[in-house]
Amino acid sequence: MKRILSLLLIICCFVLHSTAQAPTLTSANTTPRVGETFQNQYAQTAGVDNKSGGANQTWDYSTL
């Protein structure tokens, strides 16, 4: 009986995992509507020390 319940639980987990879907982005739910506002912040990036990417790299954003 324990083996059957365990098997049933595993099957249920696989079924639930396979039916989960990511949200669909369409113009209906991502297009800005009249009256919506957005906050933007601009930064001067001339003094930012951005070295090449990769492991063990430290970027200095203290000038922002």
PDB file of N, CA and C in Angstrom:
ATOM      1  N   MET A   1       0.825  -1.189   0.000  1.00  0.00           N
ATOM      2  CA  MET A   1       0.000   0.000   0.000  1.00  0.00           C
ATOM      3  C   MET A   1       0.878   1.265   0.000  1.00  0.00           C
ATOM      4  N   LYS A   2       1.982   1.228   0.785  1.00  0.00           N
ATOM      5  CA  LYS A   2       2.873   2.377   0.830  1.00  0.00           C
ATOM      6  C   LYS A   2       3.503   2.636  -0.532  1.00  0.00           C
ATOM      7  N   ARG A   3       3.833   1.567  -1.219  1.00  0.00           N
ATOM      8  CA  ARG A   3       4.472   1.707  -2.526  1.00  0.00           C
ATOM      9  C   ARG A   3       3.511   2.328  -3.539  1.00  0.00           C
ATOM     10  N   ILE A   4       2.259   1.939  -3.493  1.00  0.00           N
ATOM     11  CA  ILE A   4       1.258   2.479  -4.410  1.00  0.00           C
ATOM     12  C   ILE A   4       1.036   3.968  -4.128  1.00  0.00           C
ATOM     13  N   LEU A   5       0.964   4.332  -2.854  1.00  0.00           N
ATOM     14  CA  LEU A   5       0.773   5.739  -2.507  1.00  0.00           C
ATOM     15  C   LEU A   5       1.987   6.577  -2.921  1.00  0.00           C
ATOM     16  N   SER A   6       3.171   6.034  -2.742  1.00  0.00           N
ATOM     17  CA  SER A   6       4.372   6.749  -3.155  1.00  0.00           C
ATOM     18  C   SER A   6       4.397   6.940  -4.666  1.00  0.00           C
ATOM     19  N   LEU A   7       4.046   5.906  -5.389  1.00  0.00           N
ATOM     20  CA  LEU A   7       4.001   5.995  -6.845  1.00  0.00           C
ATOM     21  C   LEU A   7       2.950   7.000  -7.296  1.00  0.00           C
ATOM     22  N   LEU A   8       1.799   6.993  -6.643  1.00  0.00           N
ATOM     23  CA  LEU A   8       0.736   7.940  -6.973  1.00  0.00           C
ATOM     24  C   LEU A   8       1.179   9.381  -6.691  1.00  0.00           C
ATOM     25  N   LEU A   9       1.889   9.575  -5.593  1.00  0.00           N
ATOM     26  CA  LEU A   9       2.381  10.908  -5.256  1.00  0.00           C
ATOM     27  C   LEU A   9       3.398  11.391  -6.295  1.00  0.00           C
ATOM     28  N   ILE A  10       4.286  10.525  -6.722  1.00  0.00           N
ATOM     29  CA  ILE A  10       5.276  10.895  -7.734  1.00  0.00           C
ATOM     30  C   ILE A  10       4.598  11.224  -9.052  1.00  0.00           C
ATOM     31  N   ILE A  11       3.621  10.443  -9.448  1.00  0.00           N
ATOM     32  CA  ILE A  11       2.894  10.703 -10.689  1.00  0.00           C
ATOM     33  C   ILE A  11       2.153  12.041 -10.604  1.00  0.00           C
ATOM     34  N   CYS A  12       1.542  12.322  -9.464  1.00  0.00           N
ATOM     35  CA  CYS A  12       0.835  13.600  -9.293  1.00  0.00           C
ATOM     36  C   CYS A  12       1.793  14.781  -9.399  1.00  0.00           C
ATOM     37  N   CYS A  13       2.993  14.636  -8.833  1.00  0.00           N
ATOM     38  CA  CYS A  13       3.981  15.711  -8.923  1.00  0.00           C
ATOM     39  C   CYS A  13       4.384  15.958 -10.369  1.00  0.00           C
ATOM     40  N   PHE A  14       4.599  14.890 -11.139  1.00  0.00           N
ATOM     41  CA  PHE A  14       4.965  15.054 -12.543  1.00  0.00           C
ATOM     42  C   PHE A  14       3.837  15.682 -13.347  1.00  0.00           C
ATOM     43  N   VAL A  15       2.608  15.301 -13.072  1.00  0.00           N
ATOM     44  CA  VAL A  15       1.469  15.861 -13.797  1.00  0.00           C
ATOM     45  C   VAL A  15       1.327  17.348 -13.481  1.00  0.00           C
ATOM     46  N   LEU A  16       1.440  17.702 -12.208  1.00  0.00           N
ATOM     47  CA  LEU A  16       1.321  19.117 -11.837  1.00  0.00           C
ATOM     48  C   LEU A  16       2.457  19.943 -12.420  1.00  0.00           C
ATOM     49  N   HIS A  17       3.644  19.381 -12.457  1.00  0.00           N
ATOM     50  CA  HIS A  17       4.788  20.098 -13.015  1.00  0.00           C
ATOM     51  C   HIS A  17       4.637  20.285 -14.528  1.00  0.00           C
ATOM     52  N   SER A  18       4.107  19.301 -15.202  1.00  0.00           N
ATOM     53  CA  SER A  18       3.991  19.389 -16.658  1.00  0.00           C
ATOM     54  C   SER A  18       2.855  20.313 -17.096  1.00  0.00           C
ATOM     55  N   THR A  19       1.872  20.550 -16.240  1.00  0.00           N
ATOM     56  CA  THR A  19       0.756  21.412 -16.618  1.00  0.00           C
ATOM     57  C   THR A  19       0.992  22.871 -16.247  1.00  0.00           C
ATOM     58  N   ALA A  20       2.013  23.166 -15.444  1.00  0.00           N
ATOM     59  CA  ALA A  20       2.306  24.547 -15.072  1.00  0.00           C
ATOM     60  C   ALA A  20       2.867  25.280 -16.281  1.00  0.00           C
ATOM     61  N   GLN A  21       2.370  26.483 -16.513  1.00  0.00           N
ATOM     62  CA  GLN A  21       2.814  27.254 -17.671  1.00  0.00           C
ATOM     63  C   GLN A  21       3.197  28.652 -17.233  1.00  0.00           C
ATOM     64  N   ALA A  22       4.100  29.230 -17.981  1.00  0.00           N
ATOM     65  CA  ALA A  22       4.507  30.610 -17.728  1.00  0.00           C
ATOM     66  C   ALA A  22       3.424  31.554 -18.237  1.00  0.00           C
ATOM     67  N   PRO A  23       3.318  32.728 -17.638  1.00  0.00           N
ATOM     68  CA  PRO A  23       2.325  33.682 -18.119  1.00  0.00           C
ATOM     69  C   PRO A  23       2.635  34.132 -19.545  1.00  0.00           C
ATOM     70  N   THR A  24       1.608  34.370 -20.316  1.00  0.00           N
ATOM     71  CA  THR A  24       1.768  34.814 -21.698  1.00  0.00           C
ATOM     72  C   THR A  24       1.702  36.334 -21.738  1.00  0.00           C
ATOM     73  N   LEU A  25       2.715  36.946 -22.308  1.00  0.00           N
ATOM     74  CA  LEU A  25       2.734  38.395 -22.436  1.00  0.00           C
ATOM     75  C   LEU A  25       2.162  38.781 -23.787  1.00  0.00           C
ATOM     76  N   THR A  26       1.083  39.535 -23.765  1.00  0.00           N
ATOM     77  CA  THR A  26       0.452  40.015 -24.984  1.00  0.00           C
ATOM     78  C   THR A  26       0.340  41.536 -24.895  1.00  0.00           C
ATOM     79  N   SER A  27      -0.052  42.154 -25.974  1.00  0.00           N
ATOM     80  CA  SER A  27      -0.203  43.601 -25.949  1.00  0.00           C
ATOM     81  C   SER A  27      -1.343  44.033 -25.028  1.00  0.00           C
ATOM     82  N   ALA A  28      -2.271  43.131 -24.761  1.00  0.00           N
ATOM     83  CA  ALA A  28      -3.398  43.482 -23.897  1.00  0.00           C
ATOM     84  C   ALA A  28      -2.962  43.682 -22.450  1.00  0.00           C
ATOM     85  N   ASN A  29      -1.946  42.943 -22.000  1.00  0.00           N
ATOM     86  CA  ASN A  29      -1.557  43.085 -20.600  1.00  0.00           C
ATOM     87  C   ASN A  29      -0.172  43.713 -20.414  1.00  0.00           C
ATOM     88  N   THR A  30       0.479  44.179 -21.476  1.00  0.00           N
ATOM     89  CA  THR A  30       1.780  44.829 -21.318  1.00  0.00           C
ATOM     90  C   THR A  30       1.842  46.220 -21.917  1.00  0.00           C
ATOM     91  N   THR A  31       0.868  46.608 -22.704  1.00  0.00           N
ATOM     92  CA  THR A  31       0.860  47.929 -23.327  1.00  0.00           C
ATOM     93  C   THR A  31       0.461  48.978 -22.291  1.00  0.00           C
ATOM     94  N   PRO A  32       1.207  50.071 -22.196  1.00  0.00           N
ATOM     95  CA  PRO A  32       0.816  51.126 -21.252  1.00  0.00           C
ATOM     96  C   PRO A  32      -0.541  51.718 -21.632  1.00  0.00           C
ATOM     97  N   ARG A  33      -1.306  52.065 -20.631  1.00  0.00           N
ATOM     98  CA  ARG A  33      -2.623  52.649 -20.848  1.00  0.00           C
ATOM     99  C   ARG A  33      -2.549  54.170 -20.647  1.00  0.00           C
ATOM    100  N   VAL A  34      -3.537  54.862 -21.126  1.00  0.00           N
ATOM    101  CA  VAL A  34      -3.587  56.312 -21.009  1.00  0.00           C
ATOM    102  C   VAL A  34      -3.610  56.680 -19.529  1.00  0.00           C
ATOM    103  N   GLY A  35      -2.730  57.577 -19.134  1.00  0.00           N
ATOM    104  CA  GLY A  35      -2.681  58.027 -17.749  1.00  0.00           C
ATOM    105  C   GLY A  35      -1.657  57.295 -16.898  1.00  0.00           C
ATOM    106  N   GLU A  36      -1.090  56.210 -17.372  1.00  0.00           N
ATOM    107  CA  GLU A  36      -0.072  55.514 -16.595  1.00  0.00           C
ATOM    108  C   GLU A  36       1.217  56.315 -16.597  1.00  0.00           C
ATOM    109  N   THR A  37       1.915  56.299 -15.494  1.00  0.00           N
ATOM    110  CA  THR A  37       3.181  57.018 -15.400  1.00  0.00           C
ATOM    111  C   THR A  37       4.292  56.048 -15.016  1.00  0.00           C
ATOM    112  N   PHE A  38       5.490  56.389 -15.415  1.00  0.00           N
ATOM    113  CA  PHE A  38       6.659  55.581 -15.119  1.00  0.00           C
ATOM    114  C   PHE A  38       7.733  56.475 -14.534  1.00  0.00           C
ATOM    115  N   GLN A  39       8.465  55.958 -13.569  1.00  0.00           N
ATOM    116  CA  GLN A  39       9.555  56.723 -12.977  1.00  0.00           C
ATOM    117  C   GLN A  39      10.870  56.254 -13.584  1.00  0.00           C
ATOM    118  N   ASN A  40      11.609  57.180 -14.118  1.00  0.00           N
ATOM    119  CA  ASN A  40      12.925  56.884 -14.685  1.00  0.00           C
ATOM    120  C   ASN A  40      13.975  57.632 -13.891  1.00  0.00           C
ATOM    121  N   GLN A  41      15.125  57.003 -13.722  1.00  0.00           N
ATOM    122  CA  GLN A  41      16.258  57.666 -13.084  1.00  0.00           C
ATOM    123  C   GLN A  41      17.463  57.498 -13.989  1.00  0.00           C
ATOM    124  N   TYR A  42      18.069  58.598 -14.323  1.00  0.00           N
ATOM    125  CA  TYR A  42      19.227  58.583 -15.196  1.00  0.00           C
ATOM    126  C   TYR A  42      20.484  58.784 -14.365  1.00  0.00           C
ATOM    127  N   ALA A  43      21.571  58.183 -14.808  1.00  0.00           N
ATOM    128  CA  ALA A  43      22.830  58.296 -14.081  1.00  0.00           C
ATOM    129  C   ALA A  43      23.952  58.626 -15.055  1.00  0.00           C
ATOM    130  N   GLN A  44      24.897  59.397 -14.594  1.00  0.00           N
ATOM    131  CA  GLN A  44      26.082  59.701 -15.379  1.00  0.00           C
ATOM    132  C   GLN A  44      27.048  58.530 -15.221  1.00  0.00           C
ATOM    133  N   THR A  45      27.309  57.832 -16.302  1.00  0.00           N
ATOM    134  CA  THR A  45      28.121  56.618 -16.228  1.00  0.00           C
ATOM    135  C   THR A  45      29.535  56.828 -16.751  1.00  0.00           C
ATOM    136  N   ALA A  46      29.964  58.075 -16.909  1.00  0.00           N
ATOM    137  CA  ALA A  46      31.293  58.330 -17.447  1.00  0.00           C
ATOM    138  C   ALA A  46      32.395  57.846 -16.502  1.00  0.00           C
ATOM    139  N   GLY A  47      32.159  57.891 -15.193  1.00  0.00           N
ATOM    140  CA  GLY A  47      33.198  57.512 -14.244  1.00  0.00           C
ATOM    141  C   GLY A  47      33.106  56.073 -13.760  1.00  0.00           C
ATOM    142  N   VAL A  48      32.219  55.303 -14.312  1.00  0.00           N
ATOM    143  CA  VAL A  48      32.055  53.923 -13.858  1.00  0.00           C
ATOM    144  C   VAL A  48      33.187  53.069 -14.407  1.00  0.00           C
ATOM    145  N   ASP A  49      33.788  52.303 -13.526  1.00  0.00           N
ATOM    146  CA  ASP A  49      34.906  51.435 -13.911  1.00  0.00           C
ATOM    147  C   ASP A  49      34.337  50.045 -14.218  1.00  0.00           C
ATOM    148  N   ASN A  50      33.955  49.814 -15.469  1.00  0.00           N
ATOM    149  CA  ASN A  50      33.404  48.508 -15.833  1.00  0.00           C
ATOM    150  C   ASN A  50      34.452  47.721 -16.604  1.00  0.00           C
ATOM    151  N   LYS A  51      35.040  46.793 -15.913  1.00  0.00           N
ATOM    152  CA  LYS A  51      36.061  45.944 -16.518  1.00  0.00           C
ATOM    153  C   LYS A  51      35.372  44.853 -17.321  1.00  0.00           C
ATOM    154  N   SER A  52      36.144  43.991 -17.894  1.00  0.00           N
ATOM    155  CA  SER A  52      35.546  42.884 -18.637  1.00  0.00           C
ATOM    156  C   SER A  52      34.805  41.971 -17.669  1.00  0.00           C
ATOM    157  N   GLY A  53      33.774  41.306 -18.149  1.00  0.00           N
ATOM    158  CA  GLY A  53      32.985  40.419 -17.315  1.00  0.00           C
ATOM    159  C   GLY A  53      33.700  39.112 -17.058  1.00  0.00           C
ATOM    160  N   GLY A  54      33.116  38.301 -16.204  1.00  0.00           N
ATOM    161  CA  GLY A  54      33.691  37.002 -15.915  1.00  0.00           C
ATOM    162  C   GLY A  54      33.772  36.772 -14.423  1.00  0.00           C
ATOM    163  N   ALA A  55      34.383  35.666 -14.065  1.00  0.00           N
ATOM    164  CA  ALA A  55      34.499  35.302 -12.658  1.00  0.00           C
ATOM    165  C   ALA A  55      35.524  36.180 -11.955  1.00  0.00           C
ATOM    166  N   ASN A  56      35.286  36.422 -10.682  1.00  0.00           N
ATOM    167  CA  ASN A  56      36.201  37.166  -9.804  1.00  0.00           C
ATOM    168  C   ASN A  56      36.487  38.577 -10.305  1.00  0.00           C
ATOM    169  N   GLN A  57      35.490  39.246 -10.836  1.00  0.00           N
ATOM    170  CA  GLN A  57      35.606  40.639 -11.274  1.00  0.00           C
ATOM    171  C   GLN A  57      34.819  41.519 -10.318  1.00  0.00           C
ATOM    172  N   THR A  58      35.354  42.665  -9.978  1.00  0.00           N
ATOM    173  CA  THR A  58      34.666  43.616  -9.113  1.00  0.00           C
ATOM    174  C   THR A  58      34.473  44.905  -9.888  1.00  0.00           C
ATOM    175  N   TRP A  59      33.230  45.316 -10.022  1.00  0.00           N
ATOM    176  CA  TRP A  59      32.925  46.568 -10.715  1.00  0.00           C
ATOM    177  C   TRP A  59      32.679  47.636  -9.671  1.00  0.00           C
ATOM    178  N   ASP A  60      33.158  48.839  -9.924  1.00  0.00           N
ATOM    179  CA  ASP A  60      33.058  49.929  -8.974  1.00  0.00           C
ATOM    180  C   ASP A  60      31.965  50.904  -9.425  1.00  0.00           C
ATOM    181  N   TYR A  61      30.834  50.891  -8.698  1.00  0.00           N
ATOM    182  CA  TYR A  61      29.724  51.788  -9.015  1.00  0.00           C
ATOM    183  C   TYR A  61      29.622  52.922  -8.002  1.00  0.00           C
ATOM    184  N   SER A  62      30.669  53.186  -7.259  1.00  0.00           N
ATOM    185  CA  SER A  62      30.601  54.205  -6.216  1.00  0.00           C
ATOM    186  C   SER A  62      30.463  55.614  -6.783  1.00  0.00           C
ATOM    187  N   THR A  63      30.837  55.825  -8.052  1.00  0.00           N
ATOM    188  CA  THR A  63      30.729  57.163  -8.633  1.00  0.00           C
ATOM    189  C   THR A  63      29.300  57.479  -9.090  1.00  0.00           C
ATOM    190  N   LEU A  64      28.416  56.511  -9.085  1.00  0.00           N
ATOM    191  CA  LEU A  64      27.026  56.804  -9.441  1.00  0.00           C
ATOM    192  C   LEU A  64      26.387  57.518  -8.293  1.00  0.00           C
TER     193      LEU A  64
END
